[in-house]
């Protein structure tokens, strides 16, 4: 497995478009993003994504801007920082168990999940507006 890169937090705002990653990643059709609490980062890196509760799908945004709000919403007293993971899907997408929508990609079978290659930590003091 290749090394997973930490991308620096760019302090995004409406003037910067809220994007966290370089344009070559944001514009790649096989790259998507997933927002979560930082406390979930190592578990995902070590064991992959898992379905949460009764949900039987995984959701990935085509733009990190959409995942940023989700990562901010997942912060808590126990995990005050958020995290947006950058993932790469194997082609082709869409394919069975992987659905592509306008702004999201949904995975309905765990063996079809993408590979994590990077992440960006969302500081506890960042306010998403």
Protein backbone atom coordinates (compact mmCIF):
# COMPACT_ATOMS: atom_id res chain seq x y z
CA UNK A 1 0.00 0.00 0.00
CA UNK A 2 1.33 3.44 -0.89
CA UNK A 3 1.83 6.13 1.69
CA UNK A 4 -1.18 8.20 2.71
CA UNK A 5 -0.45 11.92 2.45
CA UNK A 6 -1.63 14.61 4.86
CA UNK A 7 -2.62 17.76 2.98
CA UNK A 8 -2.32 21.08 4.85
CA UNK A 9 -5.55 22.78 5.85
CA UNK A 10 -6.03 25.81 3.52
CA UNK A 11 -8.52 27.73 5.73
CA UNK A 12 -11.19 27.70 3.02
CA UNK A 13 -13.96 30.24 2.75
CA UNK A 14 -16.56 31.27 0.20
CA UNK A 15 -13.94 33.22 -1.80
CA UNK A 16 -11.75 30.10 -2.07
CA UNK A 17 -14.69 27.83 -2.89
CA UNK A 18 -14.28 25.74 0.29
CA UNK A 19 -12.09 23.23 -1.56
CA UNK A 20 -9.38 21.52 0.50
CA UNK A 21 -7.27 19.70 -2.07
CA UNK A 22 -5.28 20.64 -5.21
CA UNK A 23 -7.27 21.16 -8.41
CA UNK A 24 -5.81 18.06 -10.07
CA UNK A 25 -7.46 15.95 -7.35
CA UNK A 26 -10.69 17.95 -7.14
CA UNK A 27 -11.14 17.60 -10.93
CA UNK A 28 -10.28 13.88 -11.20
CA UNK A 29 -13.39 11.78 -11.95
CA UNK A 30 -11.98 8.83 -9.96
CA UNK A 31 -11.25 10.89 -6.82
CA UNK A 32 -13.88 11.59 -4.17
CA UNK A 33 -13.99 12.79 -0.57
CA UNK A 34 -15.45 11.64 2.75
CA UNK A 35 -15.92 13.85 5.83
CA UNK A 36 -15.79 12.41 9.34
CA UNK A 37 -14.46 13.04 12.84
CA UNK A 38 -10.66 12.86 13.15
CA UNK A 39 -11.08 10.06 15.69
CA UNK A 40 -12.24 7.81 12.82
CA UNK A 41 -9.18 8.44 10.62
CA UNK A 42 -6.87 5.67 11.85
CA UNK A 43 -9.66 3.10 11.99
CA UNK A 44 -10.55 3.83 8.35
CA UNK A 45 -6.88 3.74 7.27
CA UNK A 46 -6.28 0.44 9.11
CA UNK A 47 -9.50 -1.39 8.26
CA UNK A 48 -11.32 0.49 5.54
CA UNK A 49 -14.73 2.05 5.60
CA UNK A 50 -17.66 0.30 7.28
CA UNK A 51 -21.39 0.76 7.07
CA UNK A 52 -22.67 2.87 9.99
CA UNK A 53 -25.73 1.70 11.91
CA UNK A 54 -28.59 0.76 9.65
CA UNK A 55 -27.05 2.46 6.59
CA UNK A 56 -26.03 -0.05 3.97
CA UNK A 57 -24.07 2.31 1.79
CA UNK A 58 -21.04 4.59 1.90
CA UNK A 59 -21.23 8.11 0.49
CA UNK A 60 -18.41 10.08 -1.06
CA UNK A 61 -18.63 13.63 -2.38
CA UNK A 62 -17.20 14.58 -5.75
CA UNK A 63 -15.98 17.87 -4.23
CA UNK A 64 -14.19 18.27 -0.92
CA UNK A 65 -16.35 21.34 -0.25
CA UNK A 66 -19.34 19.05 0.37
CA UNK A 67 -17.32 16.82 2.70
CA UNK A 68 -16.01 19.82 4.64
CA UNK A 69 -19.42 20.66 6.10
CA UNK A 70 -19.96 17.01 7.04
CA UNK A 71 -16.55 16.81 8.74
CA UNK A 72 -17.31 19.98 10.70
CA UNK A 73 -20.65 18.52 11.79
CA UNK A 74 -18.98 15.33 13.04
CA UNK A 75 -16.69 17.17 15.46
CA UNK A 76 -17.47 16.66 19.14
CA UNK A 77 -15.99 17.15 22.60
CA UNK A 78 -14.43 13.69 22.31
CA UNK A 79 -13.07 14.44 18.81
CA UNK A 80 -12.84 18.23 18.38
CA UNK A 81 -11.17 18.04 14.96
CA UNK A 82 -12.74 16.87 11.74
CA UNK A 83 -11.15 15.09 8.82
CA UNK A 84 -11.78 14.91 5.09
CA UNK A 85 -10.34 11.83 3.41
CA UNK A 86 -9.38 11.78 -0.27
CA UNK A 87 -10.08 8.45 -1.97
CA UNK A 88 -9.49 6.98 -5.42
CA UNK A 89 -11.90 4.58 -7.10
CA UNK A 90 -10.72 1.88 -9.46
CA UNK A 91 -12.24 2.34 -12.92
CA UNK A 92 -14.80 2.02 -14.25
CA UNK A 93 -17.36 3.98 -12.31
CA UNK A 94 -20.27 3.64 -12.29
CA UNK A 95 -20.31 -0.14 -12.01
CA UNK A 96 -22.37 -2.71 -10.09
CA UNK A 97 -22.65 -1.65 -6.42
CA UNK A 98 -21.11 1.77 -7.16
CA UNK A 99 -23.59 4.49 -8.17
CA UNK A 100 -22.56 7.91 -9.44
CA UNK A 101 -24.90 10.86 -8.95
CA UNK A 102 -24.51 14.55 -9.69
CA UNK A 103 -22.50 15.40 -6.56
CA UNK A 104 -21.96 12.02 -4.85
CA UNK A 105 -20.73 8.49 -5.35
CA UNK A 106 -22.44 5.73 -3.35
CA UNK A 107 -20.95 2.31 -2.59
CA UNK A 108 -23.39 -0.49 -1.73
CA UNK A 109 -20.92 -3.34 -1.22
CA UNK A 110 -17.84 -3.03 1.02
CA UNK A 111 -15.52 -4.86 -1.38
CA UNK A 112 -16.09 -2.05 -3.90
CA UNK A 113 -14.84 0.76 -1.66
CA UNK A 114 -12.12 3.14 -2.87
CA UNK A 115 -8.56 3.44 -1.60
CA UNK A 116 -7.64 6.25 0.81
CA UNK A 117 -4.59 8.16 -0.44
CA UNK A 118 -4.81 11.41 1.50
CA UNK A 119 -6.54 13.43 4.17
CA UNK A 120 -6.89 16.94 5.56
CA UNK A 121 -7.46 17.65 9.26
CA UNK A 122 -10.13 20.27 10.01
CA UNK A 123 -9.02 22.29 13.06
CA UNK A 124 -11.35 22.54 16.04
CA UNK A 125 -11.35 26.33 15.79
CA UNK A 126 -12.35 26.46 12.10
CA UNK A 127 -15.87 27.79 11.69
CA UNK A 128 -17.67 26.65 8.54
CA UNK A 129 -19.92 29.50 7.29
